[in-house]
Amino acid sequence: SNRVEREFIVSSLVGVPPPPSYPAYP
């Protein structure tokens, strides 16, 4: 009766293309 539960849920996407690179500021 003293059993305690805690839960973590981690979600992610694999294979997402990286965002476009913006030119550096002058």
PDB file of all heavy atoms in Angstrom:
ATOM      1  N   SER A   1       0.812  -1.222   0.000  1.00  0.00           N
ATOM      2  CA  SER A   1       0.000   0.000   0.000  1.00  0.00           C
ATOM      3  C   SER A   1       0.841   1.266   0.000  1.00  0.00           C
ATOM      4  O   SER A   1       0.322   2.347  -0.284  1.00  0.00           O
ATOM      5  CB  SER A   1      -0.924  -0.001   1.235  1.00  0.00           C
ATOM      6  OG  SER A   1      -0.162  -0.058   2.430  1.00  0.00           O
ATOM      7  N   ASN A   2       2.148   1.158   0.306  1.00  0.00           N
ATOM      8  CA  ASN A   2       3.040   2.323   0.311  1.00  0.00           C
ATOM      9  C   ASN A   2       3.770   2.508  -1.016  1.00  0.00           C
ATOM     10  O   ASN A   2       4.712   3.297  -1.089  1.00  0.00           O
ATOM     11  CB  ASN A   2       4.066   2.185   1.445  1.00  0.00           C
ATOM     12  CG  ASN A   2       3.420   2.222   2.811  1.00  0.00           C
ATOM     13  OD1 ASN A   2       2.453   2.950   3.036  1.00  0.00           O
ATOM     14  ND2 ASN A   2       3.949   1.445   3.746  1.00  0.00           N
ATOM     15  N   ARG A   3       3.362   1.795  -2.041  1.00  0.00           N
ATOM     16  CA  ARG A   3       4.012   1.899  -3.359  1.00  0.00           C
ATOM     17  C   ARG A   3       3.622   3.222  -4.017  1.00  0.00           C
ATOM     18  O   ARG A   3       2.442   3.566  -4.128  1.00  0.00           O
ATOM     19  CB  ARG A   3       3.603   0.716  -4.225  1.00  0.00           C
ATOM     20  CG  ARG A   3       4.249   0.664  -5.609  1.00  0.00           C
ATOM     21  CD  ARG A   3       3.833  -0.642  -6.258  1.00  0.00           C
ATOM     22  NE  ARG A   3       4.061  -0.681  -7.674  1.00  0.00           N
ATOM     23  CZ  ARG A   3       5.139  -1.217  -8.250  1.00  0.00           C
ATOM     24  NH1 ARG A   3       6.095  -1.730  -7.495  1.00  0.00           N
ATOM     25  NH2 ARG A   3       5.262  -1.260  -9.566  1.00  0.00           N
ATOM     26  N   VAL A   4       4.637   3.977  -4.445  1.00  0.00           N
ATOM     27  CA  VAL A   4       4.442   5.298  -5.052  1.00  0.00           C
ATOM     28  C   VAL A   4       4.977   5.246  -6.479  1.00  0.00           C
ATOM     29  O   VAL A   4       6.039   4.663  -6.737  1.00  0.00           O
ATOM     30  CB  VAL A   4       5.168   6.396  -4.242  1.00  0.00           C
ATOM     31  CG1 VAL A   4       4.981   7.758  -4.910  1.00  0.00           C
ATOM     32  CG2 VAL A   4       4.648   6.437  -2.811  1.00  0.00           C
ATOM     33  N   GLU A   5       4.253   5.850  -7.401  1.00  0.00           N
ATOM     34  CA  GLU A   5       4.642   5.868  -8.813  1.00  0.00           C
ATOM     35  C   GLU A   5       4.880   7.304  -9.275  1.00  0.00           C
ATOM     36  O   GLU A   5       4.106   8.210  -8.963  1.00  0.00           O
ATOM     37  CB  GLU A   5       3.564   5.231  -9.685  1.00  0.00           C
ATOM     38  CG  GLU A   5       3.883   5.264 -11.177  1.00  0.00           C
ATOM     39  CD  GLU A   5       2.752   4.720 -12.041  1.00  0.00           C
ATOM     40  OE1 GLU A   5       1.698   4.388 -11.460  1.00  0.00           O
ATOM     41  OE2 GLU A   5       2.914   4.631 -13.260  1.00  0.00           O
ATOM     42  N   ARG A   6       5.963   7.493 -10.013  1.00  0.00           N
ATOM     43  CA  ARG A   6       6.251   8.762 -10.685  1.00  0.00           C
ATOM     44  C   ARG A   6       6.646   8.441 -12.117  1.00  0.00           C
ATOM     45  O   ARG A   6       7.312   7.439 -12.364  1.00  0.00           O
ATOM     46  CB  ARG A   6       7.363   9.533  -9.972  1.00  0.00           C
ATOM     47  CG  ARG A   6       7.006  10.010  -8.571  1.00  0.00           C
ATOM     48  CD  ARG A   6       5.912  11.053  -8.618  1.00  0.00           C
ATOM     49  NE  ARG A   6       5.561  11.551  -7.296  1.00  0.00           N
ATOM     50  CZ  ARG A   6       4.598  11.077  -6.546  1.00  0.00           C
ATOM     51  NH1 ARG A   6       3.865  10.061  -7.011  1.00  0.00           N
ATOM     52  NH2 ARG A   6       4.329  11.570  -5.367  1.00  0.00           N
ATOM     53  N   GLU A   7       6.261   9.289 -13.051  1.00  0.00           N
ATOM     54  CA  GLU A   7       6.428   8.955 -14.467  1.00  0.00           C
ATOM     55  C   GLU A   7       6.987  10.136 -15.246  1.00  0.00           C
ATOM     56  O   GLU A   7       6.571  11.287 -15.045  1.00  0.00           O
ATOM     57  CB  GLU A   7       5.084   8.528 -15.055  1.00  0.00           C
ATOM     58  CG  GLU A   7       5.154   7.996 -16.469  1.00  0.00           C
ATOM     59  CD  GLU A   7       3.810   7.476 -16.941  1.00  0.00           C
ATOM     60  OE1 GLU A   7       2.985   8.300 -17.404  1.00  0.00           O
ATOM     61  OE2 GLU A   7       3.564   6.271 -16.826  1.00  0.00           O
ATOM     62  N   PHE A   8       7.928   9.831 -16.131  1.00  0.00           N
ATOM     63  CA  PHE A   8       8.470  10.792 -17.086  1.00  0.00           C
ATOM     64  C   PHE A   8       8.104  10.322 -18.492  1.00  0.00           C
ATOM     65  O   PHE A   8       8.217   9.136 -18.815  1.00  0.00           O
ATOM     66  CB  PHE A   8       9.993  10.887 -16.982  1.00  0.00           C
ATOM     67  CG  PHE A   8      10.477  11.810 -15.890  1.00  0.00           C
ATOM     68  CD1 PHE A   8      10.994  11.306 -14.719  1.00  0.00           C
ATOM     69  CD2 PHE A   8      10.405  13.177 -16.051  1.00  0.00           C
ATOM     70  CE1 PHE A   8      11.432  12.132 -13.725  1.00  0.00           C
ATOM     71  CE2 PHE A   8      10.835  14.031 -15.054  1.00  0.00           C
ATOM     72  CZ  PHE A   8      11.357  13.511 -13.880  1.00  0.00           C
ATOM     73  N   ILE A   9       7.676  11.269 -19.324  1.00  0.00           N
ATOM     74  CA  ILE A   9       7.380  10.997 -20.729  1.00  0.00           C
ATOM     75  C   ILE A   9       8.208  11.964 -21.580  1.00  0.00           C
ATOM     76  O   ILE A   9       8.090  13.190 -21.428  1.00  0.00           O
ATOM     77  CB  ILE A   9       5.880  11.143 -21.044  1.00  0.00           C
ATOM     78  CG1 ILE A   9       5.060  10.157 -20.217  1.00  0.00           C
ATOM     79  CG2 ILE A   9       5.623  10.929 -22.530  1.00  0.00           C
ATOM     80  CD1 ILE A   9       3.562  10.289 -20.410  1.00  0.00           C
ATOM     81  N   VAL A  10       9.052  11.397 -22.423  1.00  0.00           N
ATOM     82  CA  VAL A  10       9.928  12.204 -23.282  1.00  0.00           C
ATOM     83  C   VAL A  10       9.592  11.878 -24.733  1.00  0.00           C
ATOM     84  O   VAL A  10       9.658  10.716 -25.150  1.00  0.00           O
ATOM     85  CB  VAL A  10      11.414  11.910 -22.997  1.00  0.00           C
ATOM     86  CG1 VAL A  10      12.301  12.803 -23.860  1.00  0.00           C
ATOM     87  CG2 VAL A  10      11.725  12.103 -21.515  1.00  0.00           C
ATOM     88  N   SER A  11       9.251  12.903 -25.503  1.00  0.00           N
ATOM     89  CA  SER A  11       8.904  12.734 -26.919  1.00  0.00           C
ATOM     90  C   SER A  11       9.856  13.548 -27.779  1.00  0.00           C
ATOM     91  O   SER A  11      10.238  14.675 -27.406  1.00  0.00           O
ATOM     92  CB  SER A  11       7.451  13.161 -27.181  1.00  0.00           C
ATOM     93  OG  SER A  11       6.546  12.364 -26.429  1.00  0.00           O
ATOM     94  N   SER A  12      10.223  12.981 -28.914  1.00  0.00           N
ATOM     95  CA  SER A  12      11.123  13.682 -29.830  1.00  0.00           C
ATOM     96  C   SER A  12      10.884  13.190 -31.244  1.00  0.00           C
ATOM     97  O   SER A  12      10.242  12.153 -31.465  1.00  0.00           O
ATOM     98  CB  SER A  12      12.592  13.458 -29.431  1.00  0.00           C
ATOM     99  OG  SER A  12      12.915  12.082 -29.476  1.00  0.00           O
ATOM    100  N   LEU A  13      11.396  13.945 -32.196  1.00  0.00           N
ATOM    101  CA  LEU A  13      11.322  13.600 -33.614  1.00  0.00           C
ATOM    102  C   LEU A  13      12.729  13.396 -34.132  1.00  0.00           C
ATOM    103  O   LEU A  13      13.599  14.269 -33.971  1.00  0.00           O
ATOM    104  CB  LEU A  13      10.609  14.707 -34.406  1.00  0.00           C
ATOM    105  CG  LEU A  13       9.120  14.923 -34.097  1.00  0.00           C
ATOM    106  CD1 LEU A  13       8.595  16.120 -34.874  1.00  0.00           C
ATOM    107  CD2 LEU A  13       8.320  13.669 -34.448  1.00  0.00           C
ATOM    108  N   VAL A  14      12.967  12.262 -34.775  1.00  0.00           N
ATOM    109  CA  VAL A  14      14.275  11.929 -35.322  1.00  0.00           C
ATOM    110  C   VAL A  14      14.220  12.059 -36.837  1.00  0.00           C
ATOM    111  O   VAL A  14      13.306  11.529 -37.479  1.00  0.00           O
ATOM    112  CB  VAL A  14      14.700  10.495 -34.925  1.00  0.00           C
ATOM    113  CG1 VAL A  14      16.054  10.156 -35.529  1.00  0.00           C
ATOM    114  CG2 VAL A  14      14.735  10.364 -33.418  1.00  0.00           C
ATOM    115  N   GLY A  15      15.196  12.758 -37.398  1.00  0.00           N
ATOM    116  CA  GLY A  15      15.239  12.940 -38.845  1.00  0.00           C
ATOM    117  C   GLY A  15      14.642  14.259 -39.297  1.00  0.00           C
ATOM    118  O   GLY A  15      14.342  14.423 -40.488  1.00  0.00           O
ATOM    119  N   VAL A  16      14.449  15.189 -38.396  1.00  0.00           N
ATOM    120  CA  VAL A  16      13.937  16.516 -38.773  1.00  0.00           C
ATOM    121  C   VAL A  16      15.077  17.308 -39.392  1.00  0.00           C
ATOM    122  O   VAL A  16      16.170  17.398 -38.810  1.00  0.00           O
ATOM    123  CB  VAL A  16      13.375  17.248 -37.539  1.00  0.00           C
ATOM    124  CG1 VAL A  16      12.868  18.632 -37.924  1.00  0.00           C
ATOM    125  CG2 VAL A  16      12.260  16.429 -36.912  1.00  0.00           C
ATOM    126  N   PRO A  17      14.888  17.869 -40.587  1.00  0.00           N
ATOM    127  CA  PRO A  17      15.985  18.631 -41.201  1.00  0.00           C
ATOM    128  C   PRO A  17      16.295  19.874 -40.374  1.00  0.00           C
ATOM    129  O   PRO A  17      15.409  20.477 -39.755  1.00  0.00           O
ATOM    130  CB  PRO A  17      15.425  18.996 -42.588  1.00  0.00           C
ATOM    131  CG  PRO A  17      13.940  18.922 -42.430  1.00  0.00           C
ATOM    132  CD  PRO A  17      13.684  17.840 -41.427  1.00  0.00           C
ATOM    133  N   PRO A  18      17.551  20.250 -40.325  1.00  0.00           N
ATOM    134  CA  PRO A  18      17.904  21.442 -39.544  1.00  0.00           C
ATOM    135  C   PRO A  18      17.329  22.702 -40.177  1.00  0.00           C
ATOM    136  O   PRO A  18      17.063  22.744 -41.385  1.00  0.00           O
ATOM    137  CB  PRO A  18      19.439  21.431 -39.583  1.00  0.00           C
ATOM    138  CG  PRO A  18      19.782  20.691 -40.839  1.00  0.00           C
ATOM    139  CD  PRO A  18      18.715  19.645 -40.988  1.00  0.00           C
ATOM    140  N   PRO A  19      17.123  23.715 -39.409  1.00  0.00           N
ATOM    141  CA  PRO A  19      16.598  24.976 -39.972  1.00  0.00           C
ATOM    142  C   PRO A  19      17.616  25.620 -40.900  1.00  0.00           C
ATOM    143  O   PRO A  19      18.826  25.372 -40.802  1.00  0.00           O
ATOM    144  CB  PRO A  19      16.353  25.831 -38.716  1.00  0.00           C
ATOM    145  CG  PRO A  19      17.283  25.280 -37.693  1.00  0.00           C
ATOM    146  CD  PRO A  19      17.360  23.809 -37.958  1.00  0.00           C
ATOM    147  N   PRO A  20      17.148  26.426 -41.844  1.00  0.00           N
ATOM    148  CA  PRO A  20      18.089  27.066 -42.779  1.00  0.00           C
ATOM    149  C   PRO A  20      19.008  28.027 -42.033  1.00  0.00           C
ATOM    150  O   PRO A  20      18.628  28.656 -41.043  1.00  0.00           O
ATOM    151  CB  PRO A  20      17.159  27.809 -43.755  1.00  0.00           C
ATOM    152  CG  PRO A  20      15.889  28.010 -42.992  1.00  0.00           C
ATOM    153  CD  PRO A  20      15.752  26.827 -42.100  1.00  0.00           C
ATOM    154  N   SER A  21      20.225  28.089 -42.535  1.00  0.00           N
ATOM    155  CA  SER A  21      21.207  28.988 -41.921  1.00  0.00           C
ATOM    156  C   SER A  21      21.043  30.384 -42.510  1.00  0.00           C
ATOM    157  O   SER A  21      20.926  30.545 -43.729  1.00  0.00           O
ATOM    158  CB  SER A  21      22.627  28.466 -42.161  1.00  0.00           C
ATOM    159  OG  SER A  21      22.876  28.352 -43.553  1.00  0.00           O
ATOM    160  N   TYR A  22      21.006  31.341 -41.645  1.00  0.00           N
ATOM    161  CA  TYR A  22      20.870  32.732 -42.076  1.00  0.00           C
ATOM    162  C   TYR A  22      22.250  33.357 -42.237  1.00  0.00           C
ATOM    163  O   TYR A  22      23.200  32.988 -41.532  1.00  0.00           O
ATOM    164  CB  TYR A  22      20.065  33.516 -41.050  1.00  0.00           C
ATOM    165  CG  TYR A  22      18.634  33.043 -40.938  1.00  0.00           C
ATOM    166  CD1 TYR A  22      18.256  32.116 -39.964  1.00  0.00           C
ATOM    167  CD2 TYR A  22      17.659  33.497 -41.813  1.00  0.00           C
ATOM    168  CE1 TYR A  22      16.947  31.669 -39.864  1.00  0.00           C
ATOM    169  CE2 TYR A  22      16.343  33.057 -41.716  1.00  0.00           C
ATOM    170  CZ  TYR A  22      15.993  32.154 -40.744  1.00  0.00           C
ATOM    171  OH  TYR A  22      14.705  31.695 -40.654  1.00  0.00           O
ATOM    172  N   PRO A  23      22.392  34.310 -43.190  1.00  0.00           N
ATOM    173  CA  PRO A  23      23.708  34.947 -43.377  1.00  0.00           C
ATOM    174  C   PRO A  23      24.107  35.735 -42.135  1.00  0.00           C
ATOM    175  O   PRO A  23      23.258  36.247 -41.392  1.00  0.00           O
ATOM    176  CB  PRO A  23      23.486  35.876 -44.584  1.00  0.00           C
ATOM    177  CG  PRO A  23      22.014  36.122 -44.607  1.00  0.00           C
ATOM    178  CD  PRO A  23      21.376  34.860 -44.108  1.00  0.00           C
ATOM    179  N   ALA A  24      25.391  35.764 -41.915  1.00  0.00           N
ATOM    180  CA  ALA A  24      25.897  36.488 -40.748  1.00  0.00           C
ATOM    181  C   ALA A  24      25.708  37.985 -40.947  1.00  0.00           C
ATOM    182  O   ALA A  24      25.750  38.502 -42.074  1.00  0.00           O
ATOM    183  CB  ALA A  24      27.377  36.150 -40.541  1.00  0.00           C
ATOM    184  N   TYR A  25      25.495  38.657 -39.831  1.00  0.00           N
ATOM    185  CA  TYR A  25      25.349  40.110 -39.904  1.00  0.00           C
ATOM    186  C   TYR A  25      26.692  40.742 -40.228  1.00  0.00           C
ATOM    187  O   TYR A  25      27.741  40.263 -39.783  1.00  0.00           O
ATOM    188  CB  TYR A  25      24.841  40.654 -38.572  1.00  0.00           C
ATOM    189  CG  TYR A  25      23.411  40.278 -38.286  1.00  0.00           C
ATOM    190  CD1 TYR A  25      23.095  39.200 -37.460  1.00  0.00           C
ATOM    191  CD2 TYR A  25      22.365  41.009 -38.830  1.00  0.00           C
ATOM    192  CE1 TYR A  25      21.783  38.842 -37.201  1.00  0.00           C
ATOM    193  CE2 TYR A  25      21.045  40.665 -38.574  1.00  0.00           C
ATOM    194  CZ  TYR A  25      20.754  39.584 -37.763  1.00  0.00           C
ATOM    195  OH  TYR A  25      19.460  39.241 -37.512  1.00  0.00           O
ATOM    196  N   PRO A  26      26.670  41.819 -41.051  1.00  0.00           N
ATOM    197  CA  PRO A  26      27.949  42.477 -41.368  1.00  0.00           C
ATOM    198  C   PRO A  26      28.557  43.103 -40.114  1.00  0.00           C
ATOM    199  O   PRO A  26      27.859  43.535 -39.203  1.00  0.00           O
ATOM    200  CB  PRO A  26      27.548  43.549 -42.397  1.00  0.00           C
ATOM    201  CG  PRO A  26      26.103  43.804 -42.119  1.00  0.00           C
ATOM    202  CD  PRO A  26      25.518  42.486 -41.668  1.00  0.00           C
TER     203      PRO A  26
END
